Protein backbone atom coordinates (compact mmCIF):
# COMPACT_ATOMS: atom_id res chain seq x y z
CA MET A 1 177.47 -32.13 -81.47
CA PRO A 2 174.31 -30.78 -83.13
CA VAL A 3 174.13 -27.07 -83.94
CA LEU A 4 170.89 -25.16 -83.45
CA THR A 5 169.91 -23.15 -86.48
CA ALA A 6 166.69 -21.89 -84.88
CA PRO A 7 165.62 -21.43 -81.25
CA PRO A 8 163.67 -24.30 -79.70
CA ALA A 9 159.88 -23.99 -79.93
CA ASN A 10 159.57 -23.53 -76.14
CA ALA A 11 162.22 -20.76 -75.92
CA GLN A 12 161.17 -17.58 -74.14
CA PRO A 13 162.08 -14.21 -75.63
CA GLY A 14 165.11 -12.64 -73.98
CA LEU A 15 165.24 -9.21 -72.44
CA ALA A 16 165.81 -6.57 -75.04
CA PRO A 17 166.31 -2.84 -74.60
CA THR A 18 163.17 -0.85 -75.33
CA GLY A 19 164.42 2.69 -74.89
CA ASP A 20 161.75 3.21 -72.21
CA ARG A 21 163.54 4.12 -68.99
CA GLY A 22 160.28 4.61 -67.09
CA PRO A 23 159.92 1.13 -65.53
CA LEU A 24 163.53 1.14 -64.35
CA GLU A 25 163.20 4.65 -62.90
CA LEU A 26 159.99 3.73 -61.08
CA ALA A 27 161.66 0.61 -59.67
CA VAL A 28 164.44 2.80 -58.25
CA VAL A 29 161.87 5.18 -56.71
CA ASP A 30 159.93 2.23 -55.25
CA GLY A 31 163.15 0.88 -53.73
CA ALA A 32 163.97 4.25 -52.18
CA LEU A 33 160.44 4.48 -50.73
CA ALA A 34 160.65 0.98 -49.29
CA ALA A 35 163.89 1.88 -47.50
CA ALA A 36 162.55 5.12 -45.95
CA GLU A 37 160.79 5.60 -42.63
CA PRO A 38 157.09 6.54 -42.42
CA GLU A 39 156.20 10.25 -42.77
CA THR A 40 159.09 10.95 -45.12
CA LEU A 41 159.41 12.89 -48.37
CA VAL A 42 161.65 10.94 -50.76
CA ARG A 43 163.15 12.91 -53.66
CA THR A 44 164.98 10.90 -56.29
CA ASP A 45 167.07 12.57 -59.00
CA ILE A 46 167.75 10.32 -61.99
CA PRO A 47 170.19 11.59 -64.63
CA GLN A 48 168.91 11.33 -68.20
CA PRO A 49 170.94 10.52 -71.32
CA ASP A 50 170.62 14.13 -72.54
CA GLY A 51 172.28 15.50 -69.38
CA SER A 52 169.07 16.64 -67.70
CA VAL A 53 167.74 15.17 -64.46
CA ARG A 54 164.29 13.70 -63.85
CA LEU A 55 163.11 14.49 -60.34
CA TYR A 56 160.64 12.19 -58.61
CA ALA A 57 158.92 13.10 -55.34
CA ALA A 58 157.09 10.47 -53.32
CA TRP A 59 155.84 10.14 -49.76
CA THR A 60 155.95 7.17 -47.42
CA ASP A 61 152.99 6.15 -45.22
CA GLY A 62 151.45 9.22 -43.60
CA GLY A 63 153.83 11.53 -45.43
CA GLY A 64 151.43 13.04 -47.95
CA PRO A 65 148.87 14.42 -45.46
CA LEU A 66 151.61 15.59 -43.07
CA ALA A 67 153.48 17.31 -45.91
CA ASP A 68 150.30 19.08 -47.08
CA HIS A 69 149.81 20.29 -43.47
CA ILE A 70 153.41 21.56 -43.44
CA ASP A 71 152.72 23.52 -46.64
CA ARG A 72 149.64 25.19 -45.11
CA VAL A 73 151.65 26.21 -42.03
CA ALA A 74 154.61 27.44 -44.11
CA LEU A 75 152.39 29.56 -46.36
CA ALA A 76 150.51 30.98 -43.35
CA ARG A 77 153.87 31.96 -41.80
CA GLY A 78 155.01 33.60 -45.05
CA LEU A 79 157.93 31.27 -45.60
CA ASP A 80 159.43 31.54 -49.08
CA ALA A 81 161.51 29.49 -51.49
CA TRP A 82 164.75 30.36 -49.68
CA SER A 83 163.28 29.08 -46.39
CA TRP A 84 162.30 25.94 -48.29
CA VAL A 85 165.88 25.47 -49.53
CA GLU A 86 167.33 25.98 -46.05
CA ILE A 87 164.82 23.73 -44.29
CA LEU A 88 165.10 20.90 -46.82
CA THR A 89 168.90 21.15 -46.81
CA HIS A 90 168.85 20.94 -42.99
CA SER A 91 166.64 17.84 -42.97
CA ALA A 92 168.14 16.01 -45.96
CA ARG A 93 169.69 12.61 -45.71
CA THR A 94 171.40 11.91 -49.03
CA ALA A 95 172.36 8.56 -50.51
CA HIS A 96 173.71 7.66 -53.93
CA ARG A 97 172.96 4.63 -56.03
CA GLY A 98 175.50 5.06 -58.77
CA ARG A 99 174.69 8.41 -60.40
CA ILE A 100 171.18 8.44 -58.90
CA GLU A 101 170.74 10.67 -55.86
CA VAL A 102 168.09 9.90 -53.24
CA ARG A 103 167.27 12.55 -50.61
CA THR A 104 164.96 11.68 -47.76
CA HIS A 105 163.40 14.37 -45.62
CA PRO A 106 161.85 13.26 -42.31
CA LEU A 107 158.73 15.40 -42.30
CA ARG A 108 158.48 15.77 -38.50
CA GLN A 109 161.87 17.51 -38.62
CA VAL A 110 160.67 19.73 -41.50
CA LEU A 111 157.52 20.56 -39.51
CA ALA A 112 159.60 21.55 -36.46
CA ASP A 113 161.61 24.02 -38.59
CA VAL A 114 158.46 25.39 -40.21
CA ASP A 115 156.68 25.71 -36.83
CA ARG A 116 159.51 27.84 -35.51
CA GLY A 117 159.38 30.01 -38.64
CA HIS A 118 162.92 29.22 -39.80
CA ARG A 119 163.78 31.67 -42.58
CA GLY A 120 167.44 30.94 -43.15
CA SER A 121 170.26 33.35 -43.84
CA GLU A 122 169.11 36.83 -44.86
CA GLU A 123 172.42 37.34 -46.67
CA TYR A 124 171.86 34.25 -48.82
CA ARG A 125 168.20 35.20 -49.33
CA ALA A 126 169.31 38.59 -50.71
CA GLY A 127 171.85 36.83 -52.94
CA LEU A 128 169.15 34.54 -54.33
CA ALA A 129 166.91 37.54 -54.99
CA ARG A 130 169.75 39.23 -56.94
CA LEU A 131 170.44 36.04 -58.89
CA LEU A 132 166.76 35.68 -59.83
CA ALA A 133 166.51 39.36 -60.80
CA ASP A 134 169.61 39.08 -63.01
CA ASP A 135 168.23 35.92 -64.61
CA ALA A 136 164.92 37.67 -65.35
CA VAL A 137 166.72 40.59 -67.02
CA GLN A 138 168.87 38.26 -69.14
CA ALA A 139 165.78 36.27 -70.18
CA GLY A 140 163.75 39.43 -70.93
CA ARG A 141 161.20 38.68 -68.19
CA PRO A 142 159.98 41.09 -65.55
CA PRO A 143 161.60 40.50 -62.16
CA LEU A 144 159.63 38.95 -59.34
CA PRO A 145 157.84 41.41 -57.08
CA VAL A 146 159.63 42.50 -53.90
CA PRO A 147 161.14 40.68 -52.03
CA GLY A 148 162.13 38.95 -55.27
CA ILE A 149 161.85 35.38 -53.93
CA PRO A 150 159.08 32.98 -54.96
CA ALA A 151 156.65 31.65 -52.40
CA TRP A 152 157.19 28.35 -50.57
CA PRO A 153 157.14 25.74 -53.37
CA GLY A 154 155.88 22.97 -51.12
CA VAL A 155 156.78 19.58 -49.70
CA GLY A 156 153.34 17.99 -50.03
CA PRO A 157 151.59 16.40 -52.97
CA LEU A 158 149.00 19.17 -53.34
CA LEU A 159 151.54 21.97 -53.86
CA TRP A 160 154.05 19.68 -55.56
CA HIS A 161 151.63 18.65 -58.29
CA ARG A 162 150.35 22.19 -58.75
CA TRP A 163 153.95 23.37 -59.11
CA GLN A 164 154.59 20.67 -61.73
CA GLN A 165 151.62 21.65 -63.90
CA GLY A 166 152.75 23.36 -67.06
CA ARG A 167 156.41 22.67 -66.33
CA PRO A 168 158.59 19.98 -67.80
CA VAL A 169 159.16 16.98 -65.58
CA VAL A 170 162.81 16.90 -66.64
CA GLU A 171 164.84 19.69 -65.08
CA PRO A 172 168.19 21.05 -66.29
CA ARG A 173 171.09 19.81 -64.15
CA GLY A 174 171.50 21.84 -60.99
CA LEU A 175 167.90 22.93 -60.43
CA GLY A 176 166.07 21.56 -57.47
CA HIS A 177 169.25 20.91 -55.50
């Protein structure tokens, strides 16, 4: 039996690791989008080798404009980051693909909660304000102005991308959940 000492001239290069996780991550996000209904916010958390998590937000057909409308209504109603947490927790449908977490948020359900001015638990809101104030003191930053909770961070691409400007794309584990 002959032994090959060199690959045949027509051999194609094999797959080799590149260290670039981007194409794989985008394929996972595309798969999550393809599986979601129209008018949905799809948030995909992908753990990174350093222990951080890369968060992707994407919108299915009709989702971007509807989500931007939701943000305008939420801001006009004075909803804050705690309302955002409560509303997105209420609407979330969570699936796991190994260590990757995919949360889909049907935006019509989010809009219904925003339209009725859902603010969430005042007790938990006060607890979040205390937590943020303590964190500011420990970090040597001034606390947030009263009520001590940031404004509605957004579910639409306009606010989402503005929120991302100047911030790392990779978040420490536990944020954004």
